[in-house]
Amino acid sequence: MAATKTAKIVPDNDYVVRFLSSWTYRANAFRVADLLVAENITDRTSILGVAKGDEVLAELVAFLAEARRFIQTIDRKLSIGIVFAVWKEVRRLQPYSADNPTGEDALRAKVAELEWLFRDTPVTWSIYIVDDECPDGSLEVAQAIVDEAGWKNIFLLKLRNALPSPELPLSKLDGATSSTKGGAILHGMQQAAKDGHDYVMYTDCDNSNHLGQIGLFLHELVGKGKKAAIGDRRATRISEWQTTRESESYANYILKRVHALLDFDLLLGDVTCPFKMFEREYLFGLLERMDVFDFCVDFDIVGYLKTSGAPVAIVPIVSVDSDSETTWIALTNVNVWWQKLHGFVYVIEKYKLAHNEHVASLVREKLWTQENIRKVLEVAAGGVTSNGRRLTAEEQLKMPFEEVDGWIRSALATMVTASKVRATQAQSSGCAKIV
């Protein structure tokens, strides 16, 4: 599907819940997509009519139908491995209910999507679910679902059980607790490749990204000989990100601006899209170069894709954000930004990417510790100002480097001064009590 540059469609909260959790919605999407394929309906107006004016559904089924059309042309045996990690995913894995309002029945949904896409074709598939030291027992919940359904092509792994490893990339990982998504994803992909799958991909546990869209990736990999295909959620008509996320709160925009000012190119803006697929032999080479095991694993992967010289496809995908159970909340905003800022600078240096060296120096000098990041976010929450005027989030994204640099240094100095004042007051209070 070609990238689309039009006004974004923003689903409301009730629609998001249906998209993520409703089996009725999912079955209707399958039905409409099948109709589009059967009757060769491809124009936007007709698709919208079949979708009864539902613009989000119309966008989704257009992508699903195109994916299914290609899959029907495959006439040789192919095997696909799909990987996702689990950490605090107990609720998403279970069905939606009054007692579980963030439930998505995510594993059963993925199986249904894959069965729909690949039915009556020579394509086979397996799912690899990798535990990333979940404290809540996500893998056990997944195991119970698998046992109940009797699926034989779903494999459950624990990153812990693969360590210590004599093989790259996990030989660089000192322990399972040092992984935040990255280690689990890399382990799952390596296992899927070792098991002989022709193509291996990873996604997230939630239902944001419909797996029926895999056909669009296989069109690039199988049909056009690309070595990798990476999803771009920003290139469709659907708004892919919920503004209610903590990552979208006002305080984050000064750090978003730092990211933008680093000015390094990694093929696309949506580097973190959790929908990436690789040809098996190419994947083995990629895995040997990986050494980022946290949230920035996507940056390490795309850095390799950019510099390897192999043909890579960027594929628009429909995505509706599952933000209520995002791990960003449990990990904390400060920790995620700390991982990201470290990851940005590391990947820039690792792959020798052109970038703004002044901004990288600012990150290393003033934003290298969680404590400083916490201070910057706290001050920013009270308002980022310029010439005495509070800037909007959008205005922050246009700040020149000199202004960003000055504001961050001032914010940190303000926090240091405030800390000293509090310490002095505490000492005075203590003296008064002694007297």
Protein backbone atom coordinates (compact mmCIF):
# COMPACT_ATOMS: atom_id res chain seq x y z
CA MET A 1 0.00 0.00 0.00
CA ALA A 2 1.26 3.47 -0.83
CA ALA A 3 1.80 6.00 1.94
CA THR A 4 -1.14 8.32 2.47
CA LYS A 5 -0.85 12.04 3.27
CA THR A 6 -4.31 13.19 4.31
CA ALA A 7 -6.03 14.37 7.48
CA LYS A 8 -5.76 11.68 10.12
CA ILE A 9 -8.77 9.70 11.31
CA VAL A 10 -8.80 9.58 15.11
CA PRO A 11 -10.92 6.75 16.54
CA ASP A 12 -12.69 7.54 19.81
CA ASN A 13 -12.18 5.46 22.94
CA ASP A 14 -15.16 3.19 22.33
CA TYR A 15 -13.96 2.47 18.81
CA VAL A 16 -10.45 1.68 20.07
CA VAL A 17 -11.91 -0.90 22.46
CA ARG A 18 -13.89 -2.54 19.64
CA PHE A 19 -10.90 -2.60 17.31
CA LEU A 20 -8.67 -4.18 19.93
CA SER A 21 -11.09 -6.47 21.75
CA SER A 22 -14.28 -7.26 19.84
CA TRP A 23 -14.57 -10.60 18.07
CA THR A 24 -17.62 -9.24 16.24
CA TYR A 25 -15.52 -6.40 14.86
CA ARG A 26 -12.73 -8.78 13.87
CA ALA A 27 -15.10 -11.21 12.14
CA ASN A 28 -16.69 -8.34 10.22
CA ALA A 29 -13.26 -7.14 9.07
CA PHE A 30 -12.51 -10.64 7.75
CA ARG A 31 -15.90 -10.76 5.99
CA VAL A 32 -15.52 -7.36 4.33
CA ALA A 33 -11.92 -8.03 3.28
CA ASP A 34 -12.96 -11.35 1.73
CA LEU A 35 -15.71 -9.54 -0.17
CA LEU A 36 -13.23 -7.00 -1.52
CA VAL A 37 -11.01 -9.82 -2.74
CA ALA A 38 -13.85 -11.87 -4.23
CA GLU A 39 -15.36 -8.93 -6.11
CA ASN A 40 -12.03 -7.22 -6.87
CA ILE A 41 -13.10 -3.98 -5.20
CA THR A 42 -10.12 -1.64 -4.93
CA ASP A 43 -11.30 1.97 -5.17
CA ARG A 44 -11.61 3.95 -1.95
CA THR A 45 -15.21 5.09 -2.47
CA SER A 46 -16.53 1.60 -3.05
CA ILE A 47 -14.58 0.21 -0.10
CA LEU A 48 -16.01 2.89 2.16
CA GLY A 49 -19.48 1.97 0.94
CA VAL A 50 -18.97 -1.73 1.72
CA ALA A 51 -17.66 -0.69 5.14
CA LYS A 52 -20.89 1.31 5.64
CA GLY A 53 -19.04 4.59 6.07
CA ASP A 54 -16.71 3.33 8.79
CA GLU A 55 -13.46 5.02 7.78
CA VAL A 56 -11.19 3.08 10.12
CA LEU A 57 -12.66 -0.24 9.01
CA ALA A 58 -12.40 0.84 5.38
CA GLU A 59 -8.70 1.58 5.79
CA LEU A 60 -8.06 -1.71 7.60
CA VAL A 61 -9.91 -3.95 5.15
CA ALA A 62 -8.28 -2.29 2.15
CA PHE A 63 -4.91 -3.32 3.58
CA LEU A 64 -6.15 -6.78 4.54
CA ALA A 65 -7.61 -7.41 1.10
CA GLU A 66 -4.40 -6.41 -0.66
CA ALA A 67 -2.43 -8.67 1.69
CA ARG A 68 -4.76 -11.60 1.05
CA ARG A 69 -4.61 -11.09 -2.72
CA PHE A 70 -0.85 -11.55 -2.70
CA ILE A 71 -0.95 -14.56 -0.38
CA GLN A 72 -3.29 -16.29 -2.83
CA THR A 73 -0.60 -16.02 -5.53
CA ILE A 74 2.00 -17.98 -3.52
CA ASP A 75 2.39 -21.44 -5.05
CA ARG A 76 5.31 -22.88 -3.08
CA LYS A 77 5.79 -23.89 0.51
CA LEU A 78 6.83 -21.11 2.85
CA SER A 79 7.13 -20.99 6.62
CA ILE A 80 6.69 -17.87 8.74
CA GLY A 81 7.77 -17.37 12.36
CA ILE A 82 6.03 -14.65 14.39
CA VAL A 83 7.64 -13.50 17.65
CA PHE A 84 6.40 -11.37 20.50
CA ALA A 85 7.60 -10.78 24.05
CA VAL A 86 5.45 -10.76 27.18
CA TRP A 87 5.98 -8.60 30.24
CA LYS A 88 2.92 -7.57 32.27
CA GLU A 89 0.59 -8.80 29.51
CA VAL A 90 -1.77 -10.87 31.68
CA ARG A 91 -4.79 -8.65 31.01
CA ARG A 92 -4.22 -8.20 27.28
CA LEU A 93 -3.89 -11.95 26.81
CA GLN A 94 -7.29 -12.55 28.36
CA PRO A 95 -10.69 -11.61 26.87
CA TYR A 96 -12.37 -8.27 27.41
CA SER A 97 -14.94 -8.22 30.20
CA ALA A 98 -16.35 -5.91 32.86
CA ASP A 99 -13.70 -7.28 35.20
CA ASN A 100 -10.96 -7.00 32.56
CA PRO A 101 -11.72 -3.81 30.59
CA THR A 102 -8.28 -3.78 28.94
CA GLY A 103 -8.51 -7.41 27.82
CA GLU A 104 -7.84 -8.09 24.13
CA ASP A 105 -7.73 -11.91 23.93
CA ALA A 106 -4.50 -11.14 22.10
CA LEU A 107 -3.16 -14.64 21.49
CA ARG A 108 -6.44 -16.06 20.18
CA ALA A 109 -6.79 -12.96 18.01
CA LYS A 110 -3.36 -13.46 16.48
CA VAL A 111 -4.13 -17.08 15.69
CA ALA A 112 -7.42 -16.08 14.04
CA GLU A 113 -5.71 -13.43 11.94
CA LEU A 114 -3.03 -15.83 10.75
CA GLU A 115 -5.56 -18.56 9.99
CA TRP A 116 -7.63 -16.10 7.97
CA LEU A 117 -4.67 -14.83 5.96
CA PHE A 118 -3.00 -18.14 5.16
CA ARG A 119 -5.98 -20.48 4.78
CA ASP A 120 -5.96 -22.69 1.66
CA THR A 121 -2.36 -21.71 0.81
CA PRO A 122 0.99 -23.55 1.11
CA VAL A 123 2.13 -21.07 3.78
CA THR A 124 2.61 -22.42 7.31
CA TRP A 125 3.34 -20.43 10.45
CA SER A 126 4.39 -20.64 14.08
CA ILE A 127 4.18 -18.18 16.97
CA TYR A 128 6.99 -17.76 19.50
CA ILE A 129 6.02 -16.13 22.80
CA VAL A 130 9.03 -15.09 24.89
CA ASP A 131 8.87 -14.31 28.59
CA ASP A 132 10.93 -11.22 29.45
CA GLU A 133 10.98 -11.81 33.23
CA CYS A 134 7.31 -10.94 33.65
CA PRO A 135 6.52 -10.70 37.40
CA ASP A 136 2.81 -11.41 36.83
CA GLY A 137 2.96 -14.76 35.06
CA SER A 138 2.11 -13.71 31.49
CA LEU A 139 3.74 -16.82 30.02
CA GLU A 140 1.70 -19.07 32.30
CA VAL A 141 -1.49 -17.38 31.10
CA ALA A 142 -0.39 -17.92 27.50
CA GLN A 143 0.42 -21.56 28.27
CA ALA A 144 -3.07 -22.14 29.65
CA ILE A 145 -4.60 -20.68 26.48
CA VAL A 146 -2.40 -22.85 24.27
CA ASP A 147 -3.19 -25.98 26.27
CA GLU A 148 -6.92 -25.31 26.14
CA ALA A 149 -6.86 -24.76 22.37
CA GLY A 150 -4.48 -27.64 21.67
CA TRP A 151 -2.30 -25.59 19.30
CA LYS A 152 0.91 -27.35 18.27
CA ASN A 153 2.55 -24.48 16.38
CA ILE A 154 2.86 -22.05 19.28
CA PHE A 155 6.07 -22.18 21.28
CA LEU A 156 6.63 -20.62 24.68
CA LEU A 157 10.15 -19.57 25.63
CA LYS A 158 11.83 -17.96 28.60
CA LEU A 159 14.75 -15.63 27.95
CA ARG A 160 16.20 -16.74 31.28
CA ASN A 161 16.51 -20.33 30.03
CA ALA A 162 18.69 -19.23 27.09
CA LEU A 163 21.29 -17.57 29.32
CA PRO A 164 24.19 -17.62 29.57
CA SER A 165 24.53 -18.16 25.85
CA PRO A 166 27.67 -19.01 23.86
CA GLU A 167 26.13 -17.46 20.72
CA LEU A 168 25.67 -13.93 19.53
CA PRO A 169 23.76 -11.83 20.27
CA LEU A 170 22.76 -13.25 23.67
CA SER A 171 26.38 -13.88 24.65
CA LYS A 172 26.51 -10.09 25.15
CA LEU A 173 23.56 -10.11 27.57
CA ASP A 174 24.65 -10.50 31.19
CA GLY A 175 21.28 -11.67 32.48
CA ALA A 176 17.56 -11.79 31.79
CA THR A 177 16.90 -8.88 34.14
CA SER A 178 19.05 -6.67 31.90
CA SER A 179 16.54 -7.06 29.06
CA THR A 180 13.61 -4.74 28.45
CA LYS A 181 11.91 -6.20 25.38
CA GLY A 182 15.07 -6.35 23.26
CA GLY A 183 16.62 -9.51 24.67
CA ALA A 184 13.37 -11.44 24.46
CA ILE A 185 12.65 -10.34 20.89
CA LEU A 186 16.15 -11.23 19.69
CA HIS A 187 15.99 -14.63 21.41
CA GLY A 188 12.62 -15.41 19.85
CA MET A 189 13.74 -14.42 16.37
CA GLN A 190 16.93 -16.44 16.65
CA GLN A 191 14.98 -19.51 17.71
CA ALA A 192 12.46 -19.09 14.88
CA ALA A 193 15.29 -18.77 12.35
CA LYS A 194 17.07 -21.82 13.77
CA ASP A 195 13.81 -23.75 13.45
CA GLY A 196 13.98 -23.18 9.71
CA HIS A 197 11.32 -20.55 9.08
CA ASP A 198 11.89 -18.83 5.74
CA TYR A 199 10.81 -15.47 7.12
CA VAL A 200 10.71 -14.26 10.71
CA MET A 201 8.98 -11.20 12.13
CA TYR A 202 8.30 -9.62 15.48
CA THR A 203 5.34 -7.70 16.76
CA ASP A 204 3.84 -6.67 20.10
CA CYS A 205 1.55 -8.75 22.28
CA ASP A 206 -1.40 -6.38 21.88
CA ASN A 207 -3.83 -6.18 18.95
CA SER A 208 -2.78 -2.76 17.66
CA ASN A 209 -1.32 -4.19 14.45
CA HIS A 210 -3.52 -6.74 12.65
CA LEU A 211 -1.39 -9.70 11.57
CA GLY A 212 -3.42 -10.06 8.39
CA GLN A 213 -1.22 -7.28 7.06
CA ILE A 214 1.75 -9.69 6.95
CA GLY A 215 0.79 -10.38 3.36
CA LEU A 216 1.93 -6.87 2.44
CA PHE A 217 5.37 -7.68 3.86
CA LEU A 218 5.59 -10.99 2.06
CA HIS A 219 4.75 -9.17 -1.17
CA GLU A 220 8.00 -7.24 -0.70
CA LEU A 221 10.09 -10.16 0.56
CA VAL A 222 8.83 -13.02 -1.58
CA GLY A 223 7.51 -11.07 -4.54
CA LYS A 224 10.25 -8.47 -4.86
CA GLY A 225 13.26 -10.08 -3.21
CA LYS A 226 13.68 -7.60 -0.37
CA LYS A 227 15.66 -8.80 2.64
CA ALA A 228 13.62 -6.97 5.24
CA ALA A 229 10.29 -5.16 5.50
CA ILE A 230 9.48 -2.69 8.26
CA GLY A 231 6.11 -1.22 9.13
CA ASP A 232 5.27 2.48 9.10
CA ARG A 233 2.20 3.31 11.20
CA ARG A 234 2.41 6.99 10.31
CA ALA A 235 1.82 6.42 6.60
CA THR A 236 -1.91 5.57 6.72
CA ARG A 237 -5.06 7.60 7.29
CA ILE A 238 -5.37 6.36 10.87
CA SER A 239 -3.84 8.22 13.80
CA GLU A 240 -1.57 5.57 15.28
CA TRP A 241 -0.92 7.13 18.69
CA GLN A 242 -3.28 7.99 21.53
CA THR A 243 -2.76 11.50 22.93
CA THR A 244 -3.67 10.13 26.37
CA ARG A 245 -0.32 8.32 26.61
CA GLU A 246 2.08 9.66 29.22
CA SER A 247 4.65 9.85 26.44
CA GLU A 248 2.42 12.45 24.77
CA SER A 249 2.05 14.64 27.86
CA TYR A 250 3.27 18.23 27.74
CA ALA A 251 6.43 17.60 29.79
CA ASN A 252 7.82 15.17 27.22
CA TYR A 253 8.02 17.62 24.36
CA ILE A 254 11.30 19.19 25.37
CA LEU A 255 12.91 15.73 25.19
CA LYS A 256 11.11 14.99 21.93
CA ARG A 257 12.75 18.14 20.61
CA VAL A 258 16.17 16.90 21.77
CA HIS A 259 15.52 13.68 19.83
CA ALA A 260 14.59 15.62 16.71
CA LEU A 261 17.60 17.91 17.01
CA LEU A 262 19.95 14.91 17.11
CA ASP A 263 19.07 14.84 13.42
CA PHE A 264 20.07 11.29 12.52
CA ASP A 265 18.41 9.36 9.72
CA LEU A 266 17.16 5.80 10.21
CA LEU A 267 15.13 5.23 7.02
CA LEU A 268 11.77 6.31 8.50
CA GLY A 269 10.27 8.31 11.33
CA ASP A 270 8.42 5.37 12.85
CA VAL A 271 11.55 3.46 13.87
CA THR A 272 9.81 1.82 16.84
CA CYS A 273 6.97 0.26 14.85
CA PRO A 274 6.71 -3.31 16.24
CA PHE A 275 6.07 -4.91 12.87
CA LYS A 276 9.30 -5.96 11.18
CA MET A 277 10.03 -9.05 9.04
CA PHE A 278 13.29 -10.53 7.78
CA GLU A 279 14.50 -13.15 5.33
CA ARG A 280 16.08 -15.98 7.33
CA GLU A 281 19.71 -15.81 6.20
CA TYR A 282 19.74 -12.03 6.36
CA LEU A 283 18.35 -12.26 9.89
CA PHE A 284 21.25 -14.44 11.04
CA GLY A 285 23.70 -11.74 9.95
CA LEU A 286 21.63 -9.04 11.64
CA LEU A 287 21.46 -10.93 14.93
CA GLU A 288 25.24 -11.22 15.15
CA ARG A 289 25.51 -7.42 15.19
CA MET A 290 22.83 -6.74 17.81
CA ASP A 291 23.83 -5.64 21.30
CA VAL A 292 20.95 -3.43 22.46
CA PHE A 293 18.57 -5.36 24.68
CA ASP A 294 16.16 -2.67 25.88
CA PHE A 295 13.46 -0.50 24.31
CA CYS A 296 15.99 0.81 21.78
CA VAL A 297 16.36 -2.57 20.08
CA ASP A 298 14.37 -1.13 17.15
CA PHE A 299 17.00 1.57 16.65
CA ASP A 300 19.79 -1.02 16.64
CA ILE A 301 17.88 -3.13 14.11
CA VAL A 302 17.06 -0.24 11.79
CA GLY A 303 20.62 1.06 12.11
CA TYR A 304 21.79 -2.28 10.76
CA LEU A 305 19.19 -2.23 7.98
CA LYS A 306 20.27 1.24 6.92
CA THR A 307 23.98 0.43 6.77
CA SER A 308 23.95 -3.19 5.54
CA GLY A 309 23.32 -2.24 1.93
CA ALA A 310 20.57 -4.85 1.53
CA PRO A 311 17.22 -3.93 -0.08
CA VAL A 312 14.68 -2.97 2.57
CA ALA A 313 10.98 -2.15 2.11
CA ILE A 314 9.06 0.37 4.22
CA VAL A 315 5.42 -0.75 4.33
CA PRO A 316 2.50 1.35 5.62
CA ILE A 317 0.35 -0.55 8.12
CA VAL A 318 -2.91 0.26 9.85
CA SER A 319 -2.46 0.52 13.61
CA VAL A 320 -4.76 1.54 16.46
CA ASP A 321 -2.88 2.23 19.66
CA SER A 322 -3.39 -0.04 22.67
CA ASP A 323 -2.28 2.53 25.23
CA SER A 324 -4.12 1.54 28.41
CA GLU A 325 -1.74 -1.32 29.22
CA THR A 326 1.41 0.11 27.67
CA THR A 327 4.56 -1.03 29.46
CA TRP A 328 5.68 2.61 29.35
CA ILE A 329 3.50 3.09 32.46
CA ALA A 330 5.09 0.29 34.49
CA LEU A 331 8.63 1.12 33.41
CA THR A 332 8.07 4.84 34.21
CA ASN A 333 8.51 7.77 31.89
CA VAL A 334 11.94 8.60 33.30
CA ASN A 335 13.31 5.09 32.75
CA VAL A 336 12.03 4.89 29.19
CA TRP A 337 13.52 8.26 28.27
CA TRP A 338 16.81 7.24 29.88
CA GLN A 339 16.89 4.09 27.74
CA LYS A 340 15.94 6.02 24.63
CA LEU A 341 18.48 8.84 24.99
CA HIS A 342 21.27 6.37 25.71
CA GLY A 343 20.09 4.24 22.81
CA PHE A 344 19.99 7.13 20.35
CA VAL A 345 23.56 8.16 21.07
CA TYR A 346 24.83 4.57 21.12
CA VAL A 347 23.27 3.68 17.77
CA ILE A 348 24.53 6.91 16.21
CA GLU A 349 28.06 6.03 17.25
CA LYS A 350 27.78 2.31 16.45
CA TYR A 351 26.64 2.85 12.88
CA LYS A 352 28.55 6.11 12.36
CA LEU A 353 25.39 8.00 11.46
CA ALA A 354 25.55 11.66 10.55
CA HIS A 355 24.06 13.70 13.38
CA ASN A 356 24.22 16.97 15.31
CA GLU A 357 27.26 16.58 17.54
CA HIS A 358 26.28 19.53 19.75
CA VAL A 359 23.02 17.83 20.70
CA ALA A 360 24.76 14.52 21.36
CA SER A 361 27.15 16.36 23.68
CA LEU A 362 24.19 17.93 25.49
CA VAL A 363 22.66 14.50 26.01
CA ARG A 364 25.91 13.08 27.38
CA GLU A 365 26.56 16.07 29.63
CA LYS A 366 23.08 16.90 30.94
CA LEU A 367 20.68 14.05 30.13
CA TRP A 368 22.78 10.97 30.83
CA THR A 369 21.34 10.09 34.24
CA GLN A 370 17.82 9.18 35.30
CA GLU A 371 18.01 11.83 38.01
CA ASN A 372 18.66 14.64 35.51
CA ILE A 373 15.95 13.37 33.18
CA ARG A 374 13.52 13.30 36.11
CA LYS A 375 14.44 16.90 37.00
CA VAL A 376 13.99 18.12 33.43
CA LEU A 377 10.58 16.44 33.15
CA GLU A 378 9.47 17.89 36.50
CA VAL A 379 10.41 21.43 35.53
CA ALA A 380 8.93 20.99 32.04
CA ALA A 381 5.61 19.86 33.56
CA GLY A 382 5.35 23.31 35.13
CA GLY A 383 5.83 24.96 31.76
CA VAL A 384 8.56 25.44 29.17
CA THR A 385 8.92 29.18 28.68
CA SER A 386 10.64 31.53 26.27
CA ASN A 387 10.92 35.25 26.98
CA GLY A 388 8.47 34.84 29.83
CA ARG A 389 5.81 33.10 27.70
CA ARG A 390 4.75 29.48 28.15
CA LEU A 391 5.33 27.56 24.93
CA THR A 392 2.80 25.13 23.53
CA ALA A 393 3.84 21.54 22.83
CA GLU A 394 3.94 22.34 19.12
CA GLU A 395 6.12 25.41 19.72
CA GLN A 396 8.59 23.31 21.71
CA LEU A 397 9.05 21.11 18.65
CA LYS A 398 10.31 24.17 16.75
CA MET A 399 12.78 25.44 19.35
CA PRO A 400 16.32 26.00 18.00
CA PHE A 401 19.15 24.09 19.65
CA GLU A 402 20.53 27.11 21.48
CA GLU A 403 17.18 27.71 23.16
CA VAL A 404 16.72 24.04 24.08
CA ASP A 405 20.26 23.86 25.45
CA GLY A 406 19.77 27.00 27.54
CA TRP A 407 16.40 25.89 28.88
CA ILE A 408 17.65 22.44 29.96
CA ARG A 409 20.70 23.90 31.70
CA SER A 410 18.53 26.48 33.44
CA ALA A 411 15.99 23.86 34.50
CA LEU A 412 18.67 21.69 36.06
CA ALA A 413 20.25 24.69 37.80
CA THR A 414 16.83 25.65 39.17
CA MET A 415 16.36 22.17 40.60
CA VAL A 416 19.81 22.25 42.21
CA THR A 417 19.04 25.62 43.81
CA ALA A 418 15.67 24.40 45.05
CA SER A 419 17.31 21.31 46.52
CA LYS A 420 19.85 23.41 48.41
CA VAL A 421 17.10 25.64 49.78
CA ARG A 422 15.15 22.61 51.02
CA ALA A 423 18.30 21.20 52.64
CA THR A 424 18.98 24.50 54.40
CA GLN A 425 15.39 24.70 55.61
CA ALA A 426 15.57 21.13 56.89
CA GLN A 427 18.76 21.90 58.81
CA SER A 428 17.23 25.04 60.30
CA SER A 429 14.15 23.11 61.33
CA GLY A 430 16.30 20.45 62.95
CA CYS A 431 18.29 23.04 64.90
CA ALA A 432 15.09 24.71 66.10
CA LYS A 433 13.79 21.41 67.46
CA ILE A 434 17.06 20.77 69.34
CA VAL A 435 16.92 24.18 70.96
